[in-house]
Amino acid sequence: MGAAPAGRGKSRADSTTATFRVREIEQVAKKDFPTNKVYGVTKTPELRLLTCGGGLQGGHRADNIVLYADLVN
């Protein structure tokens, strides 16, 4: 999956806009959640979006969908 174009940003207190570009989207089993990759220290500002995905198992989704995005300005 290729990187998506930069989307709308978030206005900051100084009236500038932070814009992020999607770098990666992955689907992982909840039992294999990449804790360090998602919550670890980064060298630059990054954004993570987490949601549930995959098939239903016992009324719950078996996987997580993780989106990784980098600050472009």
C-alpha atoms as a PDB file:
ATOM      1  CA  MET A   1       0.000   0.000   0.000  1.00  0.00           C
ATOM      2  CA  GLY A   2       1.477   3.357  -1.003  1.00  0.00           C
ATOM      3  CA  ALA A   3       1.498   6.482   1.091  1.00  0.00           C
ATOM      4  CA  ALA A   4      -1.625   8.582   0.854  1.00  0.00           C
ATOM      5  CA  PRO A   5      -1.378  12.266  -0.012  1.00  0.00           C
ATOM      6  CA  ALA A   6      -1.146  14.669   2.883  1.00  0.00           C
ATOM      7  CA  GLY A   7      -4.563  15.424   4.266  1.00  0.00           C
ATOM      8  CA  ARG A   8      -6.140  18.077   6.343  1.00  0.00           C
ATOM      9  CA  GLY A   9      -4.183  19.177   9.344  1.00  0.00           C
ATOM     10  CA  LYS A  10      -4.855  20.281  12.868  1.00  0.00           C
ATOM     11  CA  SER A  11      -4.665  23.969  13.806  1.00  0.00           C
ATOM     12  CA  ARG A  12      -2.171  24.743  16.535  1.00  0.00           C
ATOM     13  CA  ALA A  13      -2.262  27.398  19.241  1.00  0.00           C
ATOM     14  CA  ASP A  14       0.118  29.564  17.148  1.00  0.00           C
ATOM     15  CA  SER A  15      -2.354  29.405  14.185  1.00  0.00           C
ATOM     16  CA  THR A  16      -0.092  27.164  12.087  1.00  0.00           C
ATOM     17  CA  THR A  17      -1.417  23.844  10.792  1.00  0.00           C
ATOM     18  CA  ALA A  18       0.157  20.461  11.467  1.00  0.00           C
ATOM     19  CA  THR A  19      -0.187  18.200   8.422  1.00  0.00           C
ATOM     20  CA  PHE A  20       0.548  14.467   8.533  1.00  0.00           C
ATOM     21  CA  ARG A  21       1.111  11.988   5.680  1.00  0.00           C
ATOM     22  CA  VAL A  22       0.131   8.337   6.033  1.00  0.00           C
ATOM     23  CA  ARG A  23       3.225   6.137   5.871  1.00  0.00           C
ATOM     24  CA  GLU A  24       1.794   2.728   6.696  1.00  0.00           C
ATOM     25  CA  ILE A  25      -1.406   0.915   7.576  1.00  0.00           C
ATOM     26  CA  GLU A  26      -1.240  -2.558   9.051  1.00  0.00           C
ATOM     27  CA  GLN A  27      -3.683  -5.118  10.367  1.00  0.00           C
ATOM     28  CA  VAL A  28      -2.360  -7.149  13.298  1.00  0.00           C
ATOM     29  CA  ALA A  29      -3.848  -9.771  15.577  1.00  0.00           C
ATOM     30  CA  LYS A  30      -4.586  -8.287  18.992  1.00  0.00           C
ATOM     31  CA  LYS A  31      -2.383 -10.963  20.570  1.00  0.00           C
ATOM     32  CA  ASP A  32       0.526  -9.734  18.386  1.00  0.00           C
ATOM     33  CA  PHE A  33      -0.009  -6.008  18.982  1.00  0.00           C
ATOM     34  CA  PRO A  34       3.223  -4.080  18.177  1.00  0.00           C
ATOM     35  CA  THR A  35       3.379  -2.133  21.449  1.00  0.00           C
ATOM     36  CA  ASN A  36       6.874  -0.688  20.954  1.00  0.00           C
ATOM     37  CA  LYS A  37       6.192   0.282  17.334  1.00  0.00           C
ATOM     38  CA  VAL A  38       2.957   2.049  18.294  1.00  0.00           C
ATOM     39  CA  TYR A  39       3.908   3.616  21.632  1.00  0.00           C
ATOM     40  CA  GLY A  40       7.707   3.787  21.397  1.00  0.00           C
ATOM     41  CA  VAL A  41       9.808   6.940  21.239  1.00  0.00           C
ATOM     42  CA  THR A  42      10.108   8.554  17.794  1.00  0.00           C
ATOM     43  CA  LYS A  43      12.765  10.926  16.451  1.00  0.00           C
ATOM     44  CA  THR A  44      10.179  13.211  14.828  1.00  0.00           C
ATOM     45  CA  PRO A  45       6.490  14.005  15.456  1.00  0.00           C
ATOM     46  CA  GLU A  46       4.273  11.114  14.379  1.00  0.00           C
ATOM     47  CA  LEU A  47       0.606  10.224  14.579  1.00  0.00           C
ATOM     48  CA  ARG A  48      -1.010   6.847  15.272  1.00  0.00           C
ATOM     49  CA  LEU A  49      -4.623   5.885  14.704  1.00  0.00           C
ATOM     50  CA  LEU A  50      -5.883   2.620  16.196  1.00  0.00           C
ATOM     51  CA  THR A  51      -9.154   0.846  15.521  1.00  0.00           C
ATOM     52  CA  CYS A  52     -10.532  -2.670  15.536  1.00  0.00           C
ATOM     53  CA  GLY A  53     -10.636  -4.909  12.468  1.00  0.00           C
ATOM     54  CA  GLY A  54     -10.785  -8.482  11.270  1.00  0.00           C
ATOM     55  CA  GLY A  55     -13.484 -11.042  11.789  1.00  0.00           C
ATOM     56  CA  LEU A  56     -15.749 -11.312  14.789  1.00  0.00           C
ATOM     57  CA  GLN A  57     -14.692 -13.745  17.498  1.00  0.00           C
ATOM     58  CA  GLY A  58     -16.922 -13.991  20.527  1.00  0.00           C
ATOM     59  CA  GLY A  59     -18.549 -10.678  19.650  1.00  0.00           C
ATOM     60  CA  HIS A  60     -15.228  -8.806  19.330  1.00  0.00           C
ATOM     61  CA  ARG A  61     -12.951  -8.015  16.397  1.00  0.00           C
ATOM     62  CA  ALA A  62      -9.855 -10.234  16.412  1.00  0.00           C
ATOM     63  CA  ASP A  63      -7.425  -7.664  15.004  1.00  0.00           C
ATOM     64  CA  ASN A  64      -6.302  -4.067  15.304  1.00  0.00           C
ATOM     65  CA  ILE A  65      -5.815  -1.735  12.362  1.00  0.00           C
ATOM     66  CA  VAL A  66      -2.908   0.662  12.962  1.00  0.00           C
ATOM     67  CA  LEU A  67      -2.257   3.742  10.841  1.00  0.00           C
ATOM     68  CA  TYR A  68       1.148   5.436  11.072  1.00  0.00           C
ATOM     69  CA  ALA A  69       1.600   9.018   9.823  1.00  0.00           C
ATOM     70  CA  ASP A  70       4.534  11.447   9.729  1.00  0.00           C
ATOM     71  CA  LEU A  71       4.455  15.199  10.209  1.00  0.00           C
ATOM     72  CA  VAL A  72       5.102  16.921   6.872  1.00  0.00           C
ATOM     73  CA  ASN A  73       4.922  20.541   8.091  1.00  0.00           C
END
